[in-house]
C-alpha atoms as a PDB file:
ATOM      1  CA  UNK A   1       7.854  21.768   8.285  1.00  0.00           C
ATOM      2  CA  UNK A   2       6.234  18.423   7.461  1.00  0.00           C
ATOM      3  CA  UNK A   3       2.449  18.129   7.568  1.00  0.00           C
ATOM      4  CA  UNK A   4       1.485  14.650   8.766  1.00  0.00           C
ATOM      5  CA  UNK A   5      -1.984  13.135   8.934  1.00  0.00           C
ATOM      6  CA  UNK A   6      -3.228  10.241  11.075  1.00  0.00           C
ATOM      7  CA  UNK A   7      -6.552   8.592  10.257  1.00  0.00           C
ATOM      8  CA  UNK A   8      -7.691   5.753  12.512  1.00  0.00           C
ATOM      9  CA  UNK A   9     -11.028   5.097  14.211  1.00  0.00           C
ATOM     10  CA  UNK A  10      -9.215   4.257  17.450  1.00  0.00           C
ATOM     11  CA  UNK A  11      -8.426   7.300  19.567  1.00  0.00           C
ATOM     12  CA  UNK A  12      -5.740   5.409  21.494  1.00  0.00           C
ATOM     13  CA  UNK A  13      -4.000   4.387  18.262  1.00  0.00           C
ATOM     14  CA  UNK A  14      -4.030   7.973  16.991  1.00  0.00           C
ATOM     15  CA  UNK A  15      -2.645   9.277  20.291  1.00  0.00           C
ATOM     16  CA  UNK A  16       0.094   6.622  20.303  1.00  0.00           C
ATOM     17  CA  UNK A  17       1.213   7.346  16.740  1.00  0.00           C
ATOM     18  CA  UNK A  18       1.119  11.101  17.420  1.00  0.00           C
ATOM     19  CA  UNK A  19       3.308  10.636  20.490  1.00  0.00           C
ATOM     20  CA  UNK A  20       5.846   8.542  18.552  1.00  0.00           C
ATOM     21  CA  UNK A  21       5.912  11.059  15.691  1.00  0.00           C
ATOM     22  CA  UNK A  22       6.596  13.887  18.141  1.00  0.00           C
ATOM     23  CA  UNK A  23       9.414  11.879  19.705  1.00  0.00           C
ATOM     24  CA  UNK A  24      10.902  11.221  16.256  1.00  0.00           C
ATOM     25  CA  UNK A  25      10.640  14.925  15.365  1.00  0.00           C
ATOM     26  CA  UNK A  26      12.342  15.945  18.610  1.00  0.00           C
ATOM     27  CA  UNK A  27      15.219  13.509  18.098  1.00  0.00           C
ATOM     28  CA  UNK A  28      15.705  14.584  14.456  1.00  0.00           C
ATOM     29  CA  UNK A  29      15.199  18.281  15.275  1.00  0.00           C
ATOM     30  CA  UNK A  30      12.550  18.745  12.600  1.00  0.00           C
ATOM     31  CA  UNK A  31       9.238  20.598  12.723  1.00  0.00           C
ATOM     32  CA  UNK A  32       6.005  18.704  12.173  1.00  0.00           C
ATOM     33  CA  UNK A  33       2.333  19.624  12.118  1.00  0.00           C
ATOM     34  CA  UNK A  34       0.101  16.665  12.973  1.00  0.00           C
ATOM     35  CA  UNK A  35      -3.592  16.444  12.135  1.00  0.00           C
ATOM     36  CA  UNK A  36      -5.911  13.625  13.232  1.00  0.00           C
ATOM     37  CA  UNK A  37      -9.136  12.192  11.808  1.00  0.00           C
ATOM     38  CA  UNK A  38     -11.222   9.270  13.039  1.00  0.00           C
ATOM     39  CA  UNK A  39     -13.057   8.371   9.800  1.00  0.00           C
ATOM     40  CA  UNK A  40     -12.437   8.095   6.080  1.00  0.00           C
ATOM     41  CA  UNK A  41     -15.242  10.575   5.409  1.00  0.00           C
ATOM     42  CA  UNK A  42     -13.549  13.262   7.512  1.00  0.00           C
ATOM     43  CA  UNK A  43     -10.180  13.059   5.802  1.00  0.00           C
ATOM     44  CA  UNK A  44     -11.804  12.807   2.357  1.00  0.00           C
ATOM     45  CA  UNK A  45     -13.669  16.048   3.080  1.00  0.00           C
ATOM     46  CA  UNK A  46     -10.444  17.723   4.219  1.00  0.00           C
ATOM     47  CA  UNK A  47      -8.604  16.732   1.037  1.00  0.00           C
ATOM     48  CA  UNK A  48     -11.582  17.560  -1.180  1.00  0.00           C
ATOM     49  CA  UNK A  49     -11.573  21.111   0.213  1.00  0.00           C
ATOM     50  CA  UNK A  50      -7.937  21.507  -0.816  1.00  0.00           C
ATOM     51  CA  UNK A  51      -6.210  20.392   2.372  1.00  0.00           C
ATOM     52  CA  UNK A  52      -2.613  19.294   1.911  1.00  0.00           C
ATOM     53  CA  UNK A  53      -0.488  16.627   3.584  1.00  0.00           C
ATOM     54  CA  UNK A  54       3.044  15.347   3.080  1.00  0.00           C
ATOM     55  CA  UNK A  55       2.636  12.012   4.898  1.00  0.00           C
ATOM     56  CA  UNK A  56      -0.485  10.077   5.907  1.00  0.00           C
ATOM     57  CA  UNK A  57      -0.791   7.190   8.370  1.00  0.00           C
ATOM     58  CA  UNK A  58      -4.025   5.553   7.231  1.00  0.00           C
ATOM     59  CA  UNK A  59      -5.905   2.723   8.921  1.00  0.00           C
ATOM     60  CA  UNK A  60      -7.340   0.164   6.504  1.00  0.00           C
ATOM     61  CA  UNK A  61     -10.243  -1.049   8.678  1.00  0.00           C
ATOM     62  CA  UNK A  62     -12.146   2.207   9.058  1.00  0.00           C
ATOM     63  CA  UNK A  63     -15.834   1.822   9.899  1.00  0.00           C
ATOM     64  CA  UNK A  64     -17.545   3.081   6.717  1.00  0.00           C
ATOM     65  CA  UNK A  65     -15.200   4.407   4.053  1.00  0.00           C
ATOM     66  CA  UNK A  66     -12.186   2.099   4.284  1.00  0.00           C
ATOM     67  CA  UNK A  67      -8.577   3.164   4.159  1.00  0.00           C
ATOM     68  CA  UNK A  68      -8.199   1.526   0.763  1.00  0.00           C
ATOM     69  CA  UNK A  69     -11.134   3.581  -0.532  1.00  0.00           C
ATOM     70  CA  UNK A  70      -9.512   6.730   0.839  1.00  0.00           C
ATOM     71  CA  UNK A  71      -6.239   5.777  -0.853  1.00  0.00           C
ATOM     72  CA  UNK A  72      -8.054   5.163  -4.127  1.00  0.00           C
ATOM     73  CA  UNK A  73      -9.712   8.585  -3.833  1.00  0.00           C
ATOM     74  CA  UNK A  74      -6.323  10.231  -3.276  1.00  0.00           C
ATOM     75  CA  UNK A  75      -4.664   8.510  -6.239  1.00  0.00           C
ATOM     76  CA  UNK A  76      -7.493   8.210  -8.772  1.00  0.00           C
ATOM     77  CA  UNK A  77      -9.801  11.165  -8.090  1.00  0.00           C
ATOM     78  CA  UNK A  78      -7.396  13.788  -6.777  1.00  0.00           C
ATOM     79  CA  UNK A  79      -4.577  12.435  -8.994  1.00  0.00           C
ATOM     80  CA  UNK A  80      -2.256  12.965  -6.030  1.00  0.00           C
ATOM     81  CA  UNK A  81       0.839  10.795  -6.355  1.00  0.00           C
ATOM     82  CA  UNK A  82       2.907  13.065  -4.097  1.00  0.00           C
ATOM     83  CA  UNK A  83       1.288  12.232  -0.748  1.00  0.00           C
ATOM     84  CA  UNK A  84       3.150   9.424   1.036  1.00  0.00           C
ATOM     85  CA  UNK A  85       0.577   6.904   2.286  1.00  0.00           C
ATOM     86  CA  UNK A  86       1.580   4.549   5.089  1.00  0.00           C
ATOM     87  CA  UNK A  87      -1.193   2.026   5.748  1.00  0.00           C
ATOM     88  CA  UNK A  88      -1.720   0.614   9.227  1.00  0.00           C
ATOM     89  CA  UNK A  89      -3.721  -2.489  10.090  1.00  0.00           C
ATOM     90  CA  UNK A  90      -4.179  -5.338  12.532  1.00  0.00           C
ATOM     91  CA  UNK A  91      -3.877  -7.774   9.615  1.00  0.00           C
ATOM     92  CA  UNK A  92      -1.193  -8.502   7.029  1.00  0.00           C
ATOM     93  CA  UNK A  93      -3.354  -9.744   4.144  1.00  0.00           C
ATOM     94  CA  UNK A  94      -3.987  -6.707   1.952  1.00  0.00           C
ATOM     95  CA  UNK A  95      -1.090  -6.902  -0.516  1.00  0.00           C
ATOM     96  CA  UNK A  96      -3.057  -6.806  -3.787  1.00  0.00           C
ATOM     97  CA  UNK A  97      -5.528  -4.098  -2.717  1.00  0.00           C
ATOM     98  CA  UNK A  98      -2.732  -1.921  -1.321  1.00  0.00           C
ATOM     99  CA  UNK A  99      -0.627  -2.250  -4.458  1.00  0.00           C
ATOM    100  CA  UNK A 100      -3.355  -0.529  -6.495  1.00  0.00           C
ATOM    101  CA  UNK A 101      -3.076   2.643  -4.395  1.00  0.00           C
ATOM    102  CA  UNK A 102       0.746   2.733  -4.438  1.00  0.00           C
ATOM    103  CA  UNK A 103       1.441   3.147  -0.712  1.00  0.00           C
ATOM    104  CA  UNK A 104       4.890   3.947   0.588  1.00  0.00           C
ATOM    105  CA  UNK A 105       4.728   1.320   3.334  1.00  0.00           C
ATOM    106  CA  UNK A 106       2.478  -0.900   5.442  1.00  0.00           C
ATOM    107  CA  UNK A 107       2.652  -1.269   9.233  1.00  0.00           C
ATOM    108  CA  UNK A 108       0.983  -4.058  11.181  1.00  0.00           C
ATOM    109  CA  UNK A 109      -0.274  -3.281  14.694  1.00  0.00           C
ATOM    110  CA  UNK A 110       1.006  -3.136  17.374  1.00  0.00           C
ATOM    111  CA  UNK A 111       3.141  -0.260  16.084  1.00  0.00           C
ATOM    112  CA  UNK A 112       6.447   0.414  17.815  1.00  0.00           C
ATOM    113  CA  UNK A 113       8.687   3.488  17.896  1.00  0.00           C
ATOM    114  CA  UNK A 114      11.252   1.741  15.723  1.00  0.00           C
ATOM    115  CA  UNK A 115       8.601   1.188  13.035  1.00  0.00           C
ATOM    116  CA  UNK A 116       7.692   4.884  13.037  1.00  0.00           C
ATOM    117  CA  UNK A 117      11.356   5.890  12.910  1.00  0.00           C
ATOM    118  CA  UNK A 118      12.017   3.650   9.919  1.00  0.00           C
ATOM    119  CA  UNK A 119       9.086   4.736   7.774  1.00  0.00           C
ATOM    120  CA  UNK A 120       9.493   8.407   8.685  1.00  0.00           C
ATOM    121  CA  UNK A 121      13.135   8.451   7.639  1.00  0.00           C
ATOM    122  CA  UNK A 122      12.149   7.030   4.251  1.00  0.00           C
ATOM    123  CA  UNK A 123       9.134   9.306   3.870  1.00  0.00           C
ATOM    124  CA  UNK A 124      11.143  12.445   4.653  1.00  0.00           C
ATOM    125  CA  UNK A 125      13.800  11.518   2.096  1.00  0.00           C
ATOM    126  CA  UNK A 126      11.090  11.146  -0.549  1.00  0.00           C
ATOM    127  CA  UNK A 127       9.298  14.368   0.409  1.00  0.00           C
ATOM    128  CA  UNK A 128      12.543  16.364   0.401  1.00  0.00           C
ATOM    129  CA  UNK A 129      13.498  14.969  -2.992  1.00  0.00           C
ATOM    130  CA  UNK A 130      10.127  15.850  -4.490  1.00  0.00           C
ATOM    131  CA  UNK A 131      10.290  19.349  -3.057  1.00  0.00           C
ATOM    132  CA  UNK A 132      13.535  20.089  -4.902  1.00  0.00           C
ATOM    133  CA  UNK A 133      12.829  22.899  -7.319  1.00  0.00           C
ATOM    134  CA  UNK A 134      13.312  23.107 -11.053  1.00  0.00           C
ATOM    135  CA  UNK A 135      14.186  26.680 -11.972  1.00  0.00           C
ATOM    136  CA  UNK A 136      13.389  28.131 -15.390  1.00  0.00           C
ATOM    137  CA  UNK A 137      12.444  31.364 -17.108  1.00  0.00           C
ATOM    138  CA  UNK A 138       9.318  31.892 -19.201  1.00  0.00           C
ATOM    139  CA  UNK A 139       9.318  35.300 -20.830  1.00  0.00           C
ATOM    140  CA  UNK A 140      10.210  37.801 -18.134  1.00  0.00           C
ATOM    141  CA  UNK A 141       9.084  35.546 -15.311  1.00  0.00           C
ATOM    142  CA  UNK A 142      11.338  33.273 -13.254  1.00  0.00           C
ATOM    143  CA  UNK A 143       9.710  30.057 -11.977  1.00  0.00           C
ATOM    144  CA  UNK A 144      10.680  27.758  -9.125  1.00  0.00           C
ATOM    145  CA  UNK A 145       8.644  24.603  -9.684  1.00  0.00           C
ATOM    146  CA  UNK A 146       8.799  21.651  -7.255  1.00  0.00           C
ATOM    147  CA  UNK A 147       9.989  18.691  -9.304  1.00  0.00           C
ATOM    148  CA  UNK A 148       7.352  16.501  -7.716  1.00  0.00           C
ATOM    149  CA  UNK A 149       4.681  18.514  -9.539  1.00  0.00           C
ATOM    150  CA  UNK A 150       6.097  17.748 -13.011  1.00  0.00           C
ATOM    151  CA  UNK A 151       4.352  14.829 -14.749  1.00  0.00           C
ATOM    152  CA  UNK A 152       6.446  14.761 -17.911  1.00  0.00           C
ATOM    153  CA  UNK A 153       8.447  16.904 -20.327  1.00  0.00           C
ATOM    154  CA  UNK A 154       8.071  16.892 -24.097  1.00  0.00           C
ATOM    155  CA  UNK A 155      10.317  18.160 -26.867  1.00  0.00           C
ATOM    156  CA  UNK A 156       8.464  20.551 -29.194  1.00  0.00           C
ATOM    157  CA  UNK A 157      10.833  21.830 -31.853  1.00  0.00           C
ATOM    158  CA  UNK A 158      13.133  24.418 -30.274  1.00  0.00           C
ATOM    159  CA  UNK A 159      11.071  24.362 -27.082  1.00  0.00           C
ATOM    160  CA  UNK A 160      10.450  21.983 -24.194  1.00  0.00           C
ATOM    161  CA  UNK A 161       6.969  21.582 -22.714  1.00  0.00           C
ATOM    162  CA  UNK A 162       6.880  21.115 -18.942  1.00  0.00           C
ATOM    163  CA  UNK A 163       3.585  19.409 -18.126  1.00  0.00           C
ATOM    164  CA  UNK A 164       2.120  19.440 -14.607  1.00  0.00           C
ATOM    165  CA  UNK A 165      -1.347  18.289 -13.525  1.00  0.00           C
ATOM    166  CA  UNK A 166      -2.624  21.872 -13.560  1.00  0.00           C
ATOM    167  CA  UNK A 167      -0.605  23.736 -16.177  1.00  0.00           C
ATOM    168  CA  UNK A 168       1.839  23.403 -19.076  1.00  0.00           C
ATOM    169  CA  UNK A 169       4.889  25.655 -19.379  1.00  0.00           C
ATOM    170  CA  UNK A 170       7.148  26.142 -22.407  1.00  0.00           C
ATOM    171  CA  UNK A 171      10.816  27.047 -22.373  1.00  0.00           C
ATOM    172  CA  UNK A 172      13.467  27.291 -25.065  1.00  0.00           C
ATOM    173  CA  UNK A 173      16.056  24.526 -25.026  1.00  0.00           C
ATOM    174  CA  UNK A 174      16.836  20.906 -25.811  1.00  0.00           C
ATOM    175  CA  UNK A 175      15.181  18.121 -23.859  1.00  0.00           C
ATOM    176  CA  UNK A 176      18.485  16.332 -23.234  1.00  0.00           C
ATOM    177  CA  UNK A 177      19.970  19.438 -21.673  1.00  0.00           C
ATOM    178  CA  UNK A 178      16.911  20.115 -19.517  1.00  0.00           C
ATOM    179  CA  UNK A 179      16.848  16.478 -18.340  1.00  0.00           C
ATOM    180  CA  UNK A 180      20.318  16.893 -16.813  1.00  0.00           C
ATOM    181  CA  UNK A 181      18.849  19.346 -14.285  1.00  0.00           C
ATOM    182  CA  UNK A 182      16.149  16.941 -13.078  1.00  0.00           C
ATOM    183  CA  UNK A 183      16.182  14.515 -10.170  1.00  0.00           C
ATOM    184  CA  UNK A 184      16.583  10.741 -10.395  1.00  0.00           C
ATOM    185  CA  UNK A 185      12.800  10.309 -10.519  1.00  0.00           C
ATOM    186  CA  UNK A 186      12.811  11.319 -14.183  1.00  0.00           C
ATOM    187  CA  UNK A 187      13.292   8.819 -17.019  1.00  0.00           C
ATOM    188  CA  UNK A 188      14.107   9.584 -20.635  1.00  0.00           C
ATOM    189  CA  UNK A 189      11.921   7.083 -22.499  1.00  0.00           C
ATOM    190  CA  UNK A 190      12.188   8.670 -25.951  1.00  0.00           C
ATOM    191  CA  UNK A 191      14.147  11.484 -27.573  1.00  0.00           C
ATOM    192  CA  UNK A 192      10.917  13.495 -27.238  1.00  0.00           C
ATOM    193  CA  UNK A 193       9.792  12.471 -23.730  1.00  0.00           C
ATOM    194  CA  UNK A 194      11.096  12.518 -20.175  1.00  0.00           C
ATOM    195  CA  UNK A 195       8.640  11.211 -17.571  1.00  0.00           C
ATOM    196  CA  UNK A 196       8.371  11.436 -13.795  1.00  0.00           C
ATOM    197  CA  UNK A 197       8.220   7.804 -12.731  1.00  0.00           C
ATOM    198  CA  UNK A 198       6.001   8.718  -9.777  1.00  0.00           C
ATOM    199  CA  UNK A 199       3.141   9.488 -12.191  1.00  0.00           C
ATOM    200  CA  UNK A 200       3.287   6.171 -14.055  1.00  0.00           C
ATOM    201  CA  UNK A 201      -0.002   4.296 -13.725  1.00  0.00           C
ATOM    202  CA  UNK A 202       0.760   1.480 -16.165  1.00  0.00           C
ATOM    203  CA  UNK A 203       3.950   0.274 -17.782  1.00  0.00           C
ATOM    204  CA  UNK A 204       4.423  -1.998 -20.794  1.00  0.00           C
ATOM    205  CA  UNK A 205       7.497  -2.762 -22.871  1.00  0.00           C
ATOM    206  CA  UNK A 206       6.403  -0.288 -25.576  1.00  0.00           C
ATOM    207  CA  UNK A 207       4.608   2.478 -23.656  1.00  0.00           C
ATOM    208  CA  UNK A 208       3.697   4.057 -20.331  1.00  0.00           C
ATOM    209  CA  UNK A 209       0.353   5.444 -19.186  1.00  0.00           C
ATOM    210  CA  UNK A 210       0.588   8.468 -16.918  1.00  0.00           C
ATOM    211  CA  UNK A 211      -1.797  10.032 -14.423  1.00  0.00           C
ATOM    212  CA  UNK A 212      -4.483  11.796 -16.444  1.00  0.00           C
ATOM    213  CA  UNK A 213      -4.554   9.107 -19.129  1.00  0.00           C
ATOM    214  CA  UNK A 214      -1.719  10.279 -21.404  1.00  0.00           C
ATOM    215  CA  UNK A 215       0.012   7.320 -23.086  1.00  0.00           C
ATOM    216  CA  UNK A 216       3.589   7.859 -24.280  1.00  0.00           C
ATOM    217  CA  UNK A 217       5.679   5.613 -26.510  1.00  0.00           C
ATOM    218  CA  UNK A 218       8.993   4.180 -25.354  1.00  0.00           C
ATOM    219  CA  UNK A 219      11.437   4.243 -28.269  1.00  0.00           C
ATOM    220  CA  UNK A 220      12.960   0.934 -29.403  1.00  0.00           C
ATOM    221  CA  UNK A 221      16.416   2.169 -28.489  1.00  0.00           C
ATOM    222  CA  UNK A 222      15.338   2.852 -24.886  1.00  0.00           C
ATOM    223  CA  UNK A 223      12.999  -0.091 -24.201  1.00  0.00           C
ATOM    224  CA  UNK A 224      15.465  -2.502 -22.646  1.00  0.00           C
ATOM    225  CA  UNK A 225      17.151   0.147 -20.536  1.00  0.00           C
ATOM    226  CA  UNK A 226      13.871   1.741 -19.415  1.00  0.00           C
ATOM    227  CA  UNK A 227      12.486  -1.648 -18.396  1.00  0.00           C
ATOM    228  CA  UNK A 228      15.561  -2.381 -16.291  1.00  0.00           C
ATOM    229  CA  UNK A 229      15.573   1.040 -14.660  1.00  0.00           C
ATOM    230  CA  UNK A 230      11.834   1.130 -13.919  1.00  0.00           C
ATOM    231  CA  UNK A 231      11.859  -2.330 -12.339  1.00  0.00           C
ATOM    232  CA  UNK A 232      14.977  -1.574 -10.319  1.00  0.00           C
ATOM    233  CA  UNK A 233      13.976   2.004  -9.499  1.00  0.00           C
ATOM    234  CA  UNK A 234      17.319   3.396 -10.697  1.00  0.00           C
ATOM    235  CA  UNK A 235      18.250   6.661 -12.367  1.00  0.00           C
ATOM    236  CA  UNK A 236      18.164   6.793 -16.140  1.00  0.00           C
ATOM    237  CA  UNK A 237      18.542  10.469 -17.083  1.00  0.00           C
END
């Protein structure tokens, strides 16, 4: 089941996108739950109350709170890098503003079925990848943690710290061995650190800043390789 949101102040646009999403879901034989809002304030309130979405089609030119402001709230206040934002607009001149909120894609109206099919195929691949689980034991408890929730891992002596936005876990083992079980989103930047690239807010040749403000050093040995892999979006672990 994929939970998809549509936020546009035009009822006809929302109905059209909903219809195309349902057609896509029927053709791909997948289950979707679609929710619709007509203002930035409404969807902000939904998310603020703990509502969850996998994919969001978000109009930029909303009447009061703009789509870019909603995107900024999602990324910078909620610290949610998991939600796939697909902006929609009647204009094509928002490149810089959109970049700051790290959208998955940008569609210019009029929106066609082929556009929905293309972005949905990409979005589903990303959502499925992030929902892959990392299994580990802590004491007597067995955990199944979605990899998309892991911000970074840190070597701490004979243990490895698994840091999420809400909680830190500790397991016995070596970071290199643990890294082999992770998805391609994870980068080993130092013998002591493996990061989830989806939580990188700022990258420099010597360090990365992650969601939440943590700055981690990239070791000299890894700098060239990390730079190449981050810019190309390739696997490094």
